[in-house]
């Protein structure tokens, strides 16, 4: 399935994340190299990327890095 864009509804993003974690639980989730994903943290990163939620979080961290 294609990745969701930043303007997709939140419900669609949550559903995509749920689908990716379901694939991981059943051993069907594969990385870009084609190998099976075995770490939960890697599965979460893939799910966030596919659902378009990772961009928002990473930009916020970059902006606030130098501010105290």
N, C-alpha and C. Protein backbone atom coordinates (compact mmCIF):
# COMPACT_ATOMS: atom_id res chain seq x y z
N UNK A 1 0.84 -1.18 0.00
CA UNK A 1 0.00 0.00 0.00
C UNK A 1 0.89 1.24 0.00
N UNK A 2 0.44 2.30 -0.65
CA UNK A 2 1.24 3.53 -0.65
C UNK A 2 1.19 4.22 0.70
N UNK A 3 2.21 5.01 0.98
CA UNK A 3 2.26 5.75 2.24
C UNK A 3 1.17 6.80 2.26
N UNK A 4 0.71 7.13 3.46
CA UNK A 4 -0.29 8.18 3.63
C UNK A 4 0.40 9.53 3.70
N UNK A 5 -0.24 10.55 3.18
CA UNK A 5 0.32 11.88 3.21
C UNK A 5 0.02 12.59 4.51
N UNK A 6 0.62 13.76 4.72
CA UNK A 6 0.41 14.49 5.97
C UNK A 6 -1.02 15.02 6.13
N UNK A 7 -1.77 15.13 5.04
CA UNK A 7 -3.12 15.66 5.12
C UNK A 7 -4.18 14.58 5.26
N UNK A 8 -3.76 13.33 5.39
CA UNK A 8 -4.71 12.23 5.56
C UNK A 8 -5.38 12.34 6.92
N UNK A 9 -6.63 11.89 7.04
CA UNK A 9 -7.31 11.96 8.34
C UNK A 9 -6.60 11.11 9.39
N UNK A 10 -6.69 11.54 10.64
CA UNK A 10 -6.01 10.84 11.72
C UNK A 10 -6.51 9.40 11.86
N UNK A 11 -7.79 9.18 11.62
CA UNK A 11 -8.34 7.83 11.72
C UNK A 11 -7.68 6.89 10.71
N UNK A 12 -7.40 7.39 9.52
CA UNK A 12 -6.73 6.58 8.50
C UNK A 12 -5.29 6.27 8.91
N UNK A 13 -4.62 7.25 9.52
CA UNK A 13 -3.25 7.04 9.99
C UNK A 13 -3.20 6.00 11.10
N UNK A 14 -4.15 6.09 12.04
CA UNK A 14 -4.19 5.13 13.14
C UNK A 14 -4.48 3.72 12.62
N UNK A 15 -5.35 3.62 11.63
CA UNK A 15 -5.69 2.32 11.06
C UNK A 15 -4.46 1.72 10.37
N UNK A 16 -3.70 2.54 9.65
CA UNK A 16 -2.50 2.04 8.97
C UNK A 16 -1.47 1.56 9.99
N UNK A 17 -1.31 2.30 11.08
CA UNK A 17 -0.38 1.90 12.12
C UNK A 17 -0.81 0.56 12.72
N UNK A 18 -2.10 0.41 12.95
CA UNK A 18 -2.65 -0.83 13.50
C UNK A 18 -2.38 -2.00 12.54
N UNK A 19 -2.55 -1.78 11.25
CA UNK A 19 -2.31 -2.83 10.26
C UNK A 19 -0.84 -3.26 10.24
N UNK A 20 0.06 -2.29 10.34
CA UNK A 20 1.49 -2.61 10.31
C UNK A 20 1.89 -3.41 11.56
N UNK A 21 1.36 -3.06 12.72
CA UNK A 21 1.68 -3.79 13.93
C UNK A 21 1.07 -5.19 13.89
N UNK A 22 -0.08 -5.33 13.25
CA UNK A 22 -0.72 -6.64 13.08
C UNK A 22 0.18 -7.54 12.23
N UNK A 23 0.73 -6.97 11.16
CA UNK A 23 1.65 -7.73 10.31
C UNK A 23 2.87 -8.19 11.12
N UNK A 24 3.38 -7.30 11.98
CA UNK A 24 4.54 -7.63 12.79
C UNK A 24 4.23 -8.78 13.74
N UNK A 25 3.08 -8.72 14.39
CA UNK A 25 2.70 -9.76 15.36
C UNK A 25 2.62 -11.13 14.70
N UNK A 26 2.18 -11.18 13.46
CA UNK A 26 2.02 -12.44 12.76
C UNK A 26 3.23 -12.82 11.91
N UNK A 27 4.31 -12.03 12.01
CA UNK A 27 5.55 -12.36 11.31
C UNK A 27 5.52 -12.08 9.82
N UNK A 28 4.66 -11.18 9.37
CA UNK A 28 4.54 -10.88 7.95
C UNK A 28 5.21 -9.56 7.55
N UNK A 29 5.65 -8.79 8.53
CA UNK A 29 6.23 -7.47 8.24
C UNK A 29 7.67 -7.64 7.79
N UNK A 30 7.99 -7.00 6.65
CA UNK A 30 9.34 -7.09 6.11
C UNK A 30 9.92 -5.68 5.96
N UNK A 31 11.22 -5.58 6.12
CA UNK A 31 11.90 -4.30 5.96
C UNK A 31 12.08 -4.02 4.47
N UNK A 32 12.68 -2.89 4.15
CA UNK A 32 12.87 -2.53 2.74
C UNK A 32 13.83 -3.49 2.04
N UNK A 33 14.72 -4.13 2.81
CA UNK A 33 15.65 -5.08 2.20
C UNK A 33 15.00 -6.44 1.98
N UNK A 34 13.80 -6.66 2.49
CA UNK A 34 13.09 -7.90 2.29
C UNK A 34 13.22 -8.89 3.44
N UNK A 35 14.00 -8.53 4.47
CA UNK A 35 14.15 -9.42 5.61
C UNK A 35 13.01 -9.22 6.60
N UNK A 36 12.68 -10.28 7.34
CA UNK A 36 11.60 -10.22 8.31
C UNK A 36 12.01 -9.32 9.48
N UNK A 37 11.09 -8.46 9.92
CA UNK A 37 11.34 -7.57 11.05
C UNK A 37 11.16 -8.36 12.34
N UNK A 38 12.17 -8.31 13.24
CA UNK A 38 12.10 -9.06 14.48
C UNK A 38 12.04 -8.17 15.71
N UNK A 39 12.37 -6.89 15.58
CA UNK A 39 12.37 -5.98 16.73
C UNK A 39 11.12 -5.12 16.72
N UNK A 40 10.51 -4.97 17.88
CA UNK A 40 9.29 -4.19 18.00
C UNK A 40 9.54 -2.71 17.66
N UNK A 41 10.69 -2.19 18.09
CA UNK A 41 10.99 -0.78 17.83
C UNK A 41 11.11 -0.51 16.33
N UNK A 42 11.65 -1.47 15.59
CA UNK A 42 11.77 -1.31 14.15
C UNK A 42 10.38 -1.35 13.50
N UNK A 43 9.50 -2.21 14.03
CA UNK A 43 8.13 -2.30 13.51
C UNK A 43 7.38 -0.99 13.75
N UNK A 44 7.60 -0.38 14.90
CA UNK A 44 6.96 0.91 15.21
C UNK A 44 7.46 1.98 14.25
N UNK A 45 8.76 2.00 13.99
CA UNK A 45 9.33 2.99 13.08
C UNK A 45 8.76 2.82 11.67
N UNK A 46 8.61 1.58 11.23
CA UNK A 46 8.03 1.33 9.91
C UNK A 46 6.58 1.77 9.87
N UNK A 47 5.83 1.46 10.93
CA UNK A 47 4.43 1.85 11.00
C UNK A 47 4.24 3.36 10.99
N UNK A 48 5.07 4.07 11.74
CA UNK A 48 4.98 5.53 11.76
C UNK A 48 5.32 6.11 10.40
N UNK A 49 6.31 5.54 9.75
CA UNK A 49 6.70 6.02 8.43
C UNK A 49 5.59 5.79 7.41
N UNK A 50 5.00 4.59 7.42
CA UNK A 50 3.94 4.26 6.48
C UNK A 50 2.69 5.11 6.71
N UNK A 51 2.41 5.44 7.96
CA UNK A 51 1.20 6.19 8.25
C UNK A 51 1.40 7.71 8.15
N UNK A 52 2.63 8.14 7.90
CA UNK A 52 2.89 9.57 7.74
C UNK A 52 2.97 10.33 9.04
N UNK A 53 3.16 9.64 10.15
CA UNK A 53 3.21 10.31 11.44
C UNK A 53 4.64 10.60 11.89
N UNK A 54 5.62 9.98 11.28
CA UNK A 54 7.00 10.14 11.74
C UNK A 54 7.55 11.52 11.40
N UNK A 55 7.09 12.11 10.32
CA UNK A 55 7.62 13.40 9.88
C UNK A 55 7.31 14.50 10.89
N UNK A 56 6.13 14.50 11.43
CA UNK A 56 5.71 15.53 12.37
C UNK A 56 6.57 15.47 13.64
N UNK A 57 6.79 14.28 14.18
CA UNK A 57 7.55 14.12 15.40
C UNK A 57 9.01 14.48 15.20
N UNK A 58 9.62 14.05 14.09
CA UNK A 58 11.03 14.30 13.88
C UNK A 58 11.29 15.79 13.67
N UNK A 59 10.40 16.50 12.99
CA UNK A 59 10.59 17.93 12.78
C UNK A 59 10.49 18.68 14.10
N UNK A 60 9.59 18.27 14.99
CA UNK A 60 9.43 18.94 16.27
C UNK A 60 10.71 18.78 17.10
N UNK A 61 11.31 17.60 17.08
CA UNK A 61 12.53 17.37 17.84
C UNK A 61 13.68 18.23 17.31
N UNK A 62 13.76 18.35 15.98
CA UNK A 62 14.83 19.14 15.38
C UNK A 62 14.69 20.62 15.73
N UNK A 63 13.45 21.13 15.72
CA UNK A 63 13.23 22.54 16.01
C UNK A 63 13.55 22.88 17.46
N UNK A 64 13.22 21.99 18.38
CA UNK A 64 13.39 22.28 19.80
C UNK A 64 14.76 21.87 20.35
N UNK A 65 15.60 21.32 19.51
CA UNK A 65 16.88 20.80 19.98
C UNK A 65 17.77 21.90 20.56
N UNK A 66 17.86 23.05 19.94
CA UNK A 66 18.76 24.10 20.40
C UNK A 66 18.14 25.06 21.41
N UNK A 67 16.87 24.93 21.66
CA UNK A 67 16.20 25.86 22.58
C UNK A 67 16.13 25.29 23.99
N UNK A 68 16.29 26.19 24.97
CA UNK A 68 16.16 25.75 26.37
C UNK A 68 15.22 26.64 27.11
